[in-house]
Amino acid sequence: MGGKNVTNYCVTAVNRNNKDDNRVSELKVWELYFNKEKNKRQWRPLGGKSAKYVAKLLADGHKVFSAERRKEDGEWKIFRGDEIEFVFRIAGNNEHVKITDMPEF
């Protein structure tokens, strides 16, 4: 990665362009940072980001996790889930020329 700092990010919500389709169009992203005033690591909201933005985070070597934001003991907290990965897949349902069956080059 050429000296870049790897940062942890998480996603707590998603929007879809089509309610009948599971493809995500926008993700609510948070960044883990060190709050010098409080002397601790915290999640900071980055707002709604495109799937392309999150794919670039992953391509750049950052870690992105699923997460849930909920109130506990009167305070909003983020509970991290599993790591998110980027996967290529065929957009249609046609089984002809599947990525998994392609030869190496």
PDB file of N, CA and C in Angstrom:
ATOM      1  N   MET A   1       0.809  -1.206   0.000  1.00  0.00           N
ATOM      2  CA  MET A   1       0.000   0.000   0.000  1.00  0.00           C
ATOM      3  C   MET A   1       0.843   1.257   0.000  1.00  0.00           C
ATOM      4  N   GLY A   2       2.132   1.139   0.046  1.00  0.00           N
ATOM      5  CA  GLY A   2       2.990   2.302  -0.115  1.00  0.00           C
ATOM      6  C   GLY A   2       2.918   3.306   1.006  1.00  0.00           C
ATOM      7  N   GLY A   3       2.899   2.860   2.274  1.00  0.00           N
ATOM      8  CA  GLY A   3       2.963   3.759   3.402  1.00  0.00           C
ATOM      9  C   GLY A   3       1.644   4.385   3.822  1.00  0.00           C
ATOM     10  N   LYS A   4       0.556   3.976   3.226  1.00  0.00           N
ATOM     11  CA  LYS A   4      -0.740   4.525   3.632  1.00  0.00           C
ATOM     12  C   LYS A   4      -1.135   3.961   4.990  1.00  0.00           C
ATOM     13  N   ASN A   5      -1.807   4.779   5.767  1.00  0.00           N
ATOM     14  CA  ASN A   5      -2.353   4.304   7.037  1.00  0.00           C
ATOM     15  C   ASN A   5      -3.640   3.539   6.769  1.00  0.00           C
ATOM     16  N   VAL A   6      -3.723   2.349   7.330  1.00  0.00           N
ATOM     17  CA  VAL A   6      -4.940   1.558   7.189  1.00  0.00           C
ATOM     18  C   VAL A   6      -5.900   1.972   8.293  1.00  0.00           C
ATOM     19  N   THR A   7      -7.126   2.244   7.906  1.00  0.00           N
ATOM     20  CA  THR A   7      -8.143   2.700   8.840  1.00  0.00           C
ATOM     21  C   THR A   7      -9.297   1.715   8.836  1.00  0.00           C
ATOM     22  N   ASN A   8      -9.987   1.615   9.948  1.00  0.00           N
ATOM     23  CA  ASN A   8     -11.194   0.804  10.033  1.00  0.00           C
ATOM     24  C   ASN A   8     -12.406   1.689   9.783  1.00  0.00           C
ATOM     25  N   TYR A   9     -13.338   1.143   9.017  1.00  0.00           N
ATOM     26  CA  TYR A   9     -14.598   1.801   8.721  1.00  0.00           C
ATOM     27  C   TYR A   9     -15.713   0.810   9.023  1.00  0.00           C
ATOM     28  N   CYS A  10     -16.920   1.309   9.190  1.00  0.00           N
ATOM     29  CA  CYS A  10     -18.057   0.405   9.339  1.00  0.00           C
ATOM     30  C   CYS A  10     -19.264   1.002   8.632  1.00  0.00           C
ATOM     31  N   VAL A  11     -20.239   0.124   8.353  1.00  0.00           N
ATOM     32  CA  VAL A  11     -21.475   0.494   7.671  1.00  0.00           C
ATOM     33  C   VAL A  11     -22.633   0.114   8.588  1.00  0.00           C
ATOM     34  N   THR A  12     -23.496   1.094   8.891  1.00  0.00           N
ATOM     35  CA  THR A  12     -24.616   0.834   9.808  1.00  0.00           C
ATOM     36  C   THR A  12     -25.984   0.843   9.137  1.00  0.00           C
ATOM     37  N   ALA A  13     -26.064   1.282   7.876  1.00  0.00           N
ATOM     38  CA  ALA A  13     -27.344   1.315   7.167  1.00  0.00           C
ATOM     39  C   ALA A  13     -27.065   1.393   5.672  1.00  0.00           C
ATOM     40  N   VAL A  14     -28.057   0.985   4.878  1.00  0.00           N
ATOM     41  CA  VAL A  14     -27.907   1.040   3.421  1.00  0.00           C
ATOM     42  C   VAL A  14     -29.213   1.516   2.779  1.00  0.00           C
ATOM     43  N   ASN A  15     -29.072   2.124   1.623  1.00  0.00           N
ATOM     44  CA  ASN A  15     -30.210   2.469   0.779  1.00  0.00           C
ATOM     45  C   ASN A  15     -30.102   1.671  -0.503  1.00  0.00           C
ATOM     46  N   ARG A  16     -31.249   1.373  -1.083  1.00  0.00           N
ATOM     47  CA  ARG A  16     -31.316   0.657  -2.351  1.00  0.00           C
ATOM     48  C   ARG A  16     -32.144   1.481  -3.325  1.00  0.00           C
ATOM     49  N   ASN A  17     -31.710   1.512  -4.582  1.00  0.00           N
ATOM     50  CA  ASN A  17     -32.472   2.230  -5.607  1.00  0.00           C
ATOM     51  C   ASN A  17     -33.784   1.538  -5.917  1.00  0.00           C
ATOM     52  N   ASN A  18     -33.815   0.221  -5.717  1.00  0.00           N
ATOM     53  CA  ASN A  18     -34.986  -0.574  -6.068  1.00  0.00           C
ATOM     54  C   ASN A  18     -35.318  -1.478  -4.882  1.00  0.00           C
ATOM     55  N   LYS A  19     -36.493  -1.323  -4.299  1.00  0.00           N
ATOM     56  CA  LYS A  19     -36.860  -2.100  -3.110  1.00  0.00           C
ATOM     57  C   LYS A  19     -36.959  -3.600  -3.385  1.00  0.00           C
ATOM     58  N   ASP A  20     -37.085  -3.984  -4.660  1.00  0.00           N
ATOM     59  CA  ASP A  20     -37.180  -5.398  -5.024  1.00  0.00           C
ATOM     60  C   ASP A  20     -35.820  -6.003  -5.383  1.00  0.00           C
ATOM     61  N   ASP A  21     -34.742  -5.261  -5.143  1.00  0.00           N
ATOM     62  CA  ASP A  21     -33.404  -5.671  -5.537  1.00  0.00           C
ATOM     63  C   ASP A  21     -32.475  -5.504  -4.332  1.00  0.00           C
ATOM     64  N   ASN A  22     -31.631  -6.450  -4.063  1.00  0.00           N
ATOM     65  CA  ASN A  22     -30.728  -6.372  -2.914  1.00  0.00           C
ATOM     66  C   ASN A  22     -29.478  -5.536  -3.157  1.00  0.00           C
ATOM     67  N   ARG A  23     -29.283  -5.060  -4.386  1.00  0.00           N
ATOM     68  CA  ARG A  23     -28.077  -4.266  -4.651  1.00  0.00           C
ATOM     69  C   ARG A  23     -28.139  -2.937  -3.899  1.00  0.00           C
ATOM     70  N   VAL A  24     -27.047  -2.596  -3.270  1.00  0.00           N
ATOM     71  CA  VAL A  24     -26.957  -1.390  -2.448  1.00  0.00           C
ATOM     72  C   VAL A  24     -26.542  -0.211  -3.315  1.00  0.00           C
ATOM     73  N   SER A  25     -27.193   0.926  -3.118  1.00  0.00           N
ATOM     74  CA  SER A  25     -26.839   2.128  -3.864  1.00  0.00           C
ATOM     75  C   SER A  25     -26.077   3.128  -2.997  1.00  0.00           C
ATOM     76  N   GLU A  26     -26.349   3.128  -1.697  1.00  0.00           N
ATOM     77  CA  GLU A  26     -25.700   4.080  -0.790  1.00  0.00           C
ATOM     78  C   GLU A  26     -25.550   3.425   0.578  1.00  0.00           C
ATOM     79  N   LEU A  27     -24.444   3.720   1.249  1.00  0.00           N
ATOM     80  CA  LEU A  27     -24.163   3.124   2.555  1.00  0.00           C
ATOM     81  C   LEU A  27     -23.857   4.218   3.574  1.00  0.00           C
ATOM     82  N   LYS A  28     -24.326   4.049   4.797  1.00  0.00           N
ATOM     83  CA  LYS A  28     -24.015   4.983   5.884  1.00  0.00           C
ATOM     84  C   LYS A  28     -22.703   4.514   6.504  1.00  0.00           C
ATOM     85  N   VAL A  29     -21.653   5.308   6.309  1.00  0.00           N
ATOM     86  CA  VAL A  29     -20.287   4.916   6.668  1.00  0.00           C
ATOM     87  C   VAL A  29     -19.787   5.705   7.872  1.00  0.00           C
ATOM     88  N   TRP A  30     -19.026   5.000   8.714  1.00  0.00           N
ATOM     89  CA  TRP A  30     -18.390   5.587   9.890  1.00  0.00           C
ATOM     90  C   TRP A  30     -16.899   5.269   9.830  1.00  0.00           C
ATOM     91  N   GLU A  31     -16.082   6.173  10.345  1.00  0.00           N
ATOM     92  CA  GLU A  31     -14.630   5.992  10.369  1.00  0.00           C
ATOM     93  C   GLU A  31     -14.155   5.931  11.819  1.00  0.00           C
ATOM     94  N   LEU A  32     -13.288   4.985  12.107  1.00  0.00           N
ATOM     95  CA  LEU A  32     -12.707   4.886  13.443  1.00  0.00           C
ATOM     96  C   LEU A  32     -11.513   5.834  13.507  1.00  0.00           C
ATOM     97  N   TYR A  33     -11.526   6.724  14.489  1.00  0.00           N
ATOM     98  CA  TYR A  33     -10.434   7.691  14.629  1.00  0.00           C
ATOM     99  C   TYR A  33     -10.085   7.847  16.099  1.00  0.00           C
ATOM    100  N   PHE A  34      -8.941   8.467  16.357  1.00  0.00           N
ATOM    101  CA  PHE A  34      -8.526   8.710  17.741  1.00  0.00           C
ATOM    102  C   PHE A  34      -8.929  10.127  18.132  1.00  0.00           C
ATOM    103  N   ASN A  35      -9.812  10.231  19.124  1.00  0.00           N
ATOM    104  CA  ASN A  35     -10.266  11.522  19.639  1.00  0.00           C
ATOM    105  C   ASN A  35      -9.272  11.965  20.710  1.00  0.00           C
ATOM    106  N   LYS A  36      -8.438  12.952  20.373  1.00  0.00           N
ATOM    107  CA  LYS A  36      -7.389  13.414  21.290  1.00  0.00           C
ATOM    108  C   LYS A  36      -7.972  14.040  22.558  1.00  0.00           C
ATOM    109  N   GLU A  37      -9.100  14.743  22.416  1.00  0.00           N
ATOM    110  CA  GLU A  37      -9.721  15.387  23.580  1.00  0.00           C
ATOM    111  C   GLU A  37     -10.193  14.365  24.605  1.00  0.00           C
ATOM    112  N   LYS A  38     -10.765  13.266  24.136  1.00  0.00           N
ATOM    113  CA  LYS A  38     -11.270  12.235  25.038  1.00  0.00           C
ATOM    114  C   LYS A  38     -10.257  11.111  25.269  1.00  0.00           C
ATOM    115  N   ASN A  39      -9.142  11.169  24.524  1.00  0.00           N
ATOM    116  CA  ASN A  39      -8.066  10.196  24.623  1.00  0.00           C
ATOM    117  C   ASN A  39      -8.555   8.757  24.401  1.00  0.00           C
ATOM    118  N   LYS A  40      -9.397   8.609  23.357  1.00  0.00           N
ATOM    119  CA  LYS A  40      -9.884   7.266  23.029  1.00  0.00           C
ATOM    120  C   LYS A  40     -10.302   7.197  21.564  1.00  0.00           C
ATOM    121  N   ARG A  41     -10.382   5.979  21.061  1.00  0.00           N
ATOM    122  CA  ARG A  41     -10.838   5.754  19.690  1.00  0.00           C
ATOM    123  C   ARG A  41     -12.358   5.803  19.662  1.00  0.00           C
ATOM    124  N   GLN A  42     -12.890   6.451  18.620  1.00  0.00           N
ATOM    125  CA  GLN A  42     -14.333   6.595  18.472  1.00  0.00           C
ATOM    126  C   GLN A  42     -14.706   6.482  16.997  1.00  0.00           C
ATOM    127  N   TRP A  43     -15.981   6.182  16.780  1.00  0.00           N
ATOM    128  CA  TRP A  43     -16.511   6.173  15.420  1.00  0.00           C
ATOM    129  C   TRP A  43     -17.045   7.560  15.086  1.00  0.00           C
ATOM    130  N   ARG A  44     -16.661   8.073  13.930  1.00  0.00           N
ATOM    131  CA  ARG A  44     -17.153   9.375  13.465  1.00  0.00           C
ATOM    132  C   ARG A  44     -17.945   9.157  12.186  1.00  0.00           C
ATOM    133  N   PRO A  45     -19.147   9.755  12.094  1.00  0.00           N
ATOM    134  CA  PRO A  45     -19.979   9.545  10.905  1.00  0.00           C
ATOM    135  C   PRO A  45     -19.423  10.269   9.683  1.00  0.00           C
ATOM    136  N   LEU A  46     -19.395   9.562   8.562  1.00  0.00           N
ATOM    137  CA  LEU A  46     -19.001  10.176   7.291  1.00  0.00           C
ATOM    138  C   LEU A  46     -20.219  10.430   6.420  1.00  0.00           C
ATOM    139  N   GLY A  47     -21.380   9.893   6.831  1.00  0.00           N
ATOM    140  CA  GLY A  47     -22.618  10.105   6.091  1.00  0.00           C
ATOM    141  C   GLY A  47     -22.831   9.063   5.018  1.00  0.00           C
ATOM    142  N   GLY A  48     -23.740   9.363   4.111  1.00  0.00           N
ATOM    143  CA  GLY A  48     -24.059   8.456   3.018  1.00  0.00           C
ATOM    144  C   GLY A  48     -22.974   8.475   1.966  1.00  0.00           C
ATOM    145  N   LYS A  49     -22.488   7.285   1.618  1.00  0.00           N
ATOM    146  CA  LYS A  49     -21.433   7.155   0.615  1.00  0.00           C
ATOM    147  C   LYS A  49     -21.865   6.135  -0.429  1.00  0.00           C
ATOM    148  N   SER A  50     -21.347   6.280  -1.622  1.00  0.00           N
ATOM    149  CA  SER A  50     -21.686   5.368  -2.712  1.00  0.00           C
ATOM    150  C   SER A  50     -20.988   4.022  -2.517  1.00  0.00           C
ATOM    151  N   ALA A  51     -21.506   3.013  -3.198  1.00  0.00           N
ATOM    152  CA  ALA A  51     -20.856   1.699  -3.193  1.00  0.00           C
ATOM    153  C   ALA A  51     -19.452   1.827  -3.786  1.00  0.00           C
ATOM    154  N   LYS A  52     -19.267   2.703  -4.759  1.00  0.00           N
ATOM    155  CA  LYS A  52     -17.947   2.933  -5.356  1.00  0.00           C
ATOM    156  C   LYS A  52     -16.964   3.452  -4.303  1.00  0.00           C
ATOM    157  N   TYR A  53     -17.411   4.344  -3.440  1.00  0.00           N
ATOM    158  CA  TYR A  53     -16.565   4.883  -2.373  1.00  0.00           C
ATOM    159  C   TYR A  53     -16.090   3.760  -1.457  1.00  0.00           C
ATOM    160  N   VAL A  54     -17.016   2.888  -1.042  1.00  0.00           N
ATOM    161  CA  VAL A  54     -16.670   1.790  -0.135  1.00  0.00           C
ATOM    162  C   VAL A  54     -15.772   0.779  -0.846  1.00  0.00           C
ATOM    163  N   ALA A  55     -16.035   0.506  -2.124  1.00  0.00           N
ATOM    164  CA  ALA A  55     -15.178  -0.407  -2.887  1.00  0.00           C
ATOM    165  C   ALA A  55     -13.748   0.123  -2.961  1.00  0.00           C
ATOM    166  N   LYS A  56     -13.600   1.446  -3.096  1.00  0.00           N
ATOM    167  CA  LYS A  56     -12.262   2.048  -3.131  1.00  0.00           C
ATOM    168  C   LYS A  56     -11.567   1.917  -1.779  1.00  0.00           C
ATOM    169  N   LEU A  57     -12.314   2.087  -0.684  1.00  0.00           N
ATOM    170  CA  LEU A  57     -11.719   1.867   0.640  1.00  0.00           C
ATOM    171  C   LEU A  57     -11.130   0.463   0.726  1.00  0.00           C
ATOM    172  N   LEU A  58     -11.903  -0.526   0.277  1.00  0.00           N
ATOM    173  CA  LEU A  58     -11.451  -1.917   0.311  1.00  0.00           C
ATOM    174  C   LEU A  58     -10.252  -2.128  -0.610  1.00  0.00           C
ATOM    175  N   ALA A  59     -10.311  -1.556  -1.813  1.00  0.00           N
ATOM    176  CA  ALA A  59      -9.216  -1.699  -2.774  1.00  0.00           C
ATOM    177  C   ALA A  59      -7.933  -1.059  -2.247  1.00  0.00           C
ATOM    178  N   ASP A  60      -8.063  -0.016  -1.452  1.00  0.00           N
ATOM    179  CA  ASP A  60      -6.908   0.669  -0.871  1.00  0.00           C
ATOM    180  C   ASP A  60      -6.381  -0.036   0.379  1.00  0.00           C
ATOM    181  N   GLY A  61      -7.019  -1.145   0.785  1.00  0.00           N
ATOM    182  CA  GLY A  61      -6.514  -1.933   1.906  1.00  0.00           C
ATOM    183  C   GLY A  61      -7.134  -1.636   3.254  1.00  0.00           C
ATOM    184  N   HIS A  62      -8.107  -0.745   3.296  1.00  0.00           N
ATOM    185  CA  HIS A  62      -8.774  -0.458   4.563  1.00  0.00           C
ATOM    186  C   HIS A  62      -9.714  -1.606   4.924  1.00  0.00           C
ATOM    187  N   LYS A  63     -10.060  -1.718   6.179  1.00  0.00           N
ATOM    188  CA  LYS A  63     -11.017  -2.719   6.628  1.00  0.00           C
ATOM    189  C   LYS A  63     -12.371  -2.045   6.808  1.00  0.00           C
ATOM    190  N   VAL A  64     -13.408  -2.689   6.282  1.00  0.00           N
ATOM    191  CA  VAL A  64     -14.776  -2.179   6.397  1.00  0.00           C
ATOM    192  C   VAL A  64     -15.614  -3.288   7.011  1.00  0.00           C
ATOM    193  N   PHE A  65     -16.356  -2.952   8.049  1.00  0.00           N
ATOM    194  CA  PHE A  65     -17.150  -3.928   8.789  1.00  0.00           C
ATOM    195  C   PHE A  65     -18.628  -3.593   8.726  1.00  0.00           C
ATOM    196  N   SER A  66     -19.464  -4.608   8.819  1.00  0.00           N
ATOM    197  CA  SER A  66     -20.880  -4.368   9.055  1.00  0.00           C
ATOM    198  C   SER A  66     -20.994  -3.949  10.520  1.00  0.00           C
ATOM    199  N   ALA A  67     -22.012  -3.195  10.858  1.00  0.00           N
ATOM    200  CA  ALA A  67     -22.143  -2.736  12.237  1.00  0.00           C
ATOM    201  C   ALA A  67     -23.583  -2.374  12.538  1.00  0.00           C
ATOM    202  N   GLU A  68     -23.863  -2.292  13.816  1.00  0.00           N
ATOM    203  CA  GLU A  68     -25.187  -1.883  14.276  1.00  0.00           C
ATOM    204  C   GLU A  68     -25.001  -0.732  15.253  1.00  0.00           C
ATOM    205  N   ARG A  69     -25.803   0.306  15.067  1.00  0.00           N
ATOM    206  CA  ARG A  69     -25.773   1.450  15.987  1.00  0.00           C
ATOM    207  C   ARG A  69     -27.011   1.350  16.860  1.00  0.00           C
ATOM    208  N   ARG A  70     -26.792   1.274  18.184  1.00  0.00           N
ATOM    209  CA  ARG A  70     -27.934   1.183  19.101  1.00  0.00           C
ATOM    210  C   ARG A  70     -27.588   1.864  20.425  1.00  0.00           C
ATOM    211  N   LYS A  71     -28.657   2.215  21.127  1.00  0.00           N
ATOM    212  CA  LYS A  71     -28.509   2.896  22.405  1.00  0.00           C
ATOM    213  C   LYS A  71     -28.326   1.866  23.509  1.00  0.00           C
ATOM    214  N   GLU A  72     -27.296   2.076  24.311  1.00  0.00           N
ATOM    215  CA  GLU A  72     -27.019   1.196  25.445  1.00  0.00           C
ATOM    216  C   GLU A  72     -26.606   2.069  26.624  1.00  0.00           C
ATOM    217  N   ASP A  73     -27.262   1.872  27.745  1.00  0.00           N
ATOM    218  CA  ASP A  73     -26.997   2.686  28.942  1.00  0.00           C
ATOM    219  C   ASP A  73     -27.134   4.181  28.644  1.00  0.00           C
ATOM    220  N   GLY A  74     -28.135   4.525  27.824  1.00  0.00           N
ATOM    221  CA  GLY A  74     -28.410   5.924  27.516  1.00  0.00           C
ATOM    222  C   GLY A  74     -27.446   6.566  26.537  1.00  0.00           C
ATOM    223  N   GLU A  75     -26.548   5.778  25.972  1.00  0.00           N
ATOM    224  CA  GLU A  75     -25.544   6.323  25.055  1.00  0.00           C
ATOM    225  C   GLU A  75     -25.575   5.542  23.741  1.00  0.00           C
ATOM    226  N   TRP A  76     -25.452   6.262  22.606  1.00  0.00           N
ATOM    227  CA  TRP A  76     -25.395   5.604  21.308  1.00  0.00           C
ATOM    228  C   TRP A  76     -24.028   4.960  21.128  1.00  0.00           C
ATOM    229  N   LYS A  77     -24.032   3.682  20.752  1.00  0.00           N
ATOM    230  CA  LYS A  77     -22.784   2.946  20.549  1.00  0.00           C
ATOM    231  C   LYS A  77     -22.865   2.182  19.234  1.00  0.00           C
ATOM    232  N   ILE A  78     -21.704   1.870  18.701  1.00  0.00           N
ATOM    233  CA  ILE A  78     -21.616   1.059  17.487  1.00  0.00           C
ATOM    234  C   ILE A  78     -21.038  -0.289  17.859  1.00  0.00           C
ATOM    235  N   PHE A  79     -21.740  -1.334  17.423  1.00  0.00           N
ATOM    236  CA  PHE A  79     -21.310  -2.708  17.671  1.00  0.00           C
ATOM    237  C   PHE A  79     -20.913  -3.310  16.327  1.00  0.00           C
ATOM    238  N   ARG A  80     -19.641  -3.577  16.206  1.00  0.00           N
ATOM    239  CA  ARG A  80     -19.075  -4.042  14.938  1.00  0.00           C
ATOM    240  C   ARG A  80     -19.438  -5.491  14.664  1.00  0.00           C
ATOM    241  N   GLY A  81     -19.746  -5.774  13.396  1.00  0.00           N
ATOM    242  CA  GLY A  81     -20.039  -7.130  12.951  1.00  0.00           C
ATOM    243  C   GLY A  81     -18.865  -7.689  12.164  1.00  0.00           C
ATOM    244  N   ASP A  82     -19.175  -8.422  11.116  1.00  0.00           N
ATOM    245  CA  ASP A  82     -18.156  -9.060  10.293  1.00  0.00           C
ATOM    246  C   ASP A  82     -17.584  -8.104   9.260  1.00  0.00           C
ATOM    247  N   GLU A  83     -16.420  -8.484   8.775  1.00  0.00           N
ATOM    248  CA  GLU A  83     -15.753  -7.705   7.748  1.00  0.00           C
ATOM    249  C   GLU A  83     -16.525  -7.814   6.430  1.00  0.00           C
ATOM    250  N   ILE A  84     -16.580  -6.709   5.710  1.00  0.00           N
ATOM    251  CA  ILE A  84     -17.240  -6.668   4.405  1.00  0.00           C
ATOM    252  C   ILE A  84     -16.186  -6.902   3.337  1.00  0.00           C
ATOM    253  N   GLU A  85     -16.558  -7.668   2.313  1.00  0.00           N
ATOM    254  CA  GLU A  85     -15.638  -7.905   1.207  1.00  0.00           C
ATOM    255  C   GLU A  85     -16.296  -7.494  -0.099  1.00  0.00           C
ATOM    256  N   PHE A  86     -15.475  -7.255  -1.088  1.00  0.00           N
ATOM    257  CA  PHE A  86     -15.940  -6.871  -2.413  1.00  0.00           C
ATOM    258  C   PHE A  86     -15.912  -8.112  -3.289  1.00  0.00           C
ATOM    259  N   VAL A  87     -17.030  -8.411  -3.964  1.00  0.00           N
ATOM    260  CA  VAL A  87     -17.137  -9.620  -4.770  1.00  0.00           C
ATOM    261  C   VAL A  87     -17.646  -9.260  -6.165  1.00  0.00           C
ATOM    262  N   PHE A  88     -17.006  -9.828  -7.192  1.00  0.00           N
ATOM    263  CA  PHE A  88     -17.514  -9.705  -8.553  1.00  0.00           C
ATOM    264  C   PHE A  88     -18.518 -10.821  -8.794  1.00  0.00           C
ATOM    265  N   ARG A  89     -19.595 -10.506  -9.497  1.00  0.00           N
ATOM    266  CA  ARG A  89     -20.535 -11.548  -9.876  1.00  0.00           C
ATOM    267  C   ARG A  89     -21.208 -11.128 -11.176  1.00  0.00           C
ATOM    268  N   ILE A  90     -21.755 -12.104 -11.847  1.00  0.00           N
ATOM    269  CA  ILE A  90     -22.484 -11.839 -13.089  1.00  0.00           C
ATOM    270  C   ILE A  90     -23.810 -11.165 -12.726  1.00  0.00           C
ATOM    271  N   ALA A  91     -24.157 -10.097 -13.414  1.00  0.00           N
ATOM    272  CA  ALA A  91     -25.353  -9.325 -13.081  1.00  0.00           C
ATOM    273  C   ALA A  91     -26.646 -10.075 -13.384  1.00  0.00           C
ATOM    274  N   GLY A  92     -26.673 -10.862 -14.456  1.00  0.00           N
ATOM    275  CA  GLY A  92     -27.888 -11.570 -14.837  1.00  0.00           C
ATOM    276  C   GLY A  92     -27.958 -12.949 -14.213  1.00  0.00           C
ATOM    277  N   ASN A  93     -29.011 -13.635 -14.513  1.00  0.00           N
ATOM    278  CA  ASN A  93     -29.194 -14.987 -13.994  1.00  0.00           C
ATOM    279  C   ASN A  93     -28.755 -16.052 -14.988  1.00  0.00           C
ATOM    280  N   ASN A  94     -28.199 -15.644 -16.111  1.00  0.00           N
ATOM    281  CA  ASN A  94     -27.749 -16.582 -17.122  1.00  0.00           C
ATOM    282  C   ASN A  94     -26.536 -17.345 -16.602  1.00  0.00           C
ATOM    283  N   GLU A  95     -26.564 -18.641 -16.679  1.00  0.00           N
ATOM    284  CA  GLU A  95     -25.473 -19.474 -16.177  1.00  0.00           C
ATOM    285  C   GLU A  95     -24.374 -19.682 -17.219  1.00  0.00           C
ATOM    286  N   HIS A  96     -24.507 -19.063 -18.386  1.00  0.00           N
ATOM    287  CA  HIS A  96     -23.518 -19.215 -19.437  1.00  0.00           C
ATOM    288  C   HIS A  96     -22.310 -18.320 -19.154  1.00  0.00           C
ATOM    289  N   VAL A  97     -21.117 -18.850 -19.220  1.00  0.00           N
ATOM    290  CA  VAL A  97     -19.853 -18.144 -18.996  1.00  0.00           C
ATOM    291  C   VAL A  97     -19.798 -17.583 -17.576  1.00  0.00           C
ATOM    292  N   LYS A  98     -19.752 -18.457 -16.592  1.00  0.00           N
ATOM    293  CA  LYS A  98     -19.664 -18.057 -15.193  1.00  0.00           C
ATOM    294  C   LYS A  98     -18.229 -17.673 -14.836  1.00  0.00           C
ATOM    295  N   ILE A  99     -18.065 -16.673 -14.007  1.00  0.00           N
ATOM    296  CA  ILE A  99     -16.740 -16.235 -13.560  1.00  0.00           C
ATOM    297  C   ILE A  99     -15.990 -17.389 -12.905  1.00  0.00           C
ATOM    298  N   THR A 100     -16.688 -18.188 -12.122  1.00  0.00           N
ATOM    299  CA  THR A 100     -16.038 -19.289 -11.401  1.00  0.00           C
ATOM    300  C   THR A 100     -15.491 -20.362 -12.349  1.00  0.00           C
ATOM    301  N   ASP A 101     -15.989 -20.414 -13.587  1.00  0.00           N
ATOM    302  CA  ASP A 101     -15.531 -21.410 -14.556  1.00  0.00           C
ATOM    303  C   ASP A 101     -14.480 -20.871 -15.515  1.00  0.00           C
ATOM    304  N   MET A 102     -14.120 -19.607 -15.403  1.00  0.00           N
ATOM    305  CA  MET A 102     -13.146 -19.027 -16.328  1.00  0.00           C
ATOM    306  C   MET A 102     -11.747 -19.554 -16.048  1.00  0.00           C
ATOM    307  N   PRO A 103     -10.941 -19.749 -17.106  1.00  0.00           N
ATOM    308  CA  PRO A 103      -9.571 -20.245 -16.909  1.00  0.00           C
ATOM    309  C   PRO A 103      -8.641 -19.150 -16.380  1.00  0.00           C
ATOM    310  N   GLU A 104      -7.535 -19.572 -15.804  1.00  0.00           N
ATOM    311  CA  GLU A 104      -6.499 -18.618 -15.395  1.00  0.00           C
ATOM    312  C   GLU A 104      -5.789 -18.116 -16.652  1.00  0.00           C
ATOM    313  N   PHE A 105      -5.114 -17.000 -16.547  1.00  0.00           N
ATOM    314  CA  PHE A 105      -4.337 -16.499 -17.703  1.00  0.00           C
ATOM    315  C   PHE A 105      -2.932 -16.163 -17.284  1.00  0.00           C
TER     316      PHE A 105
END
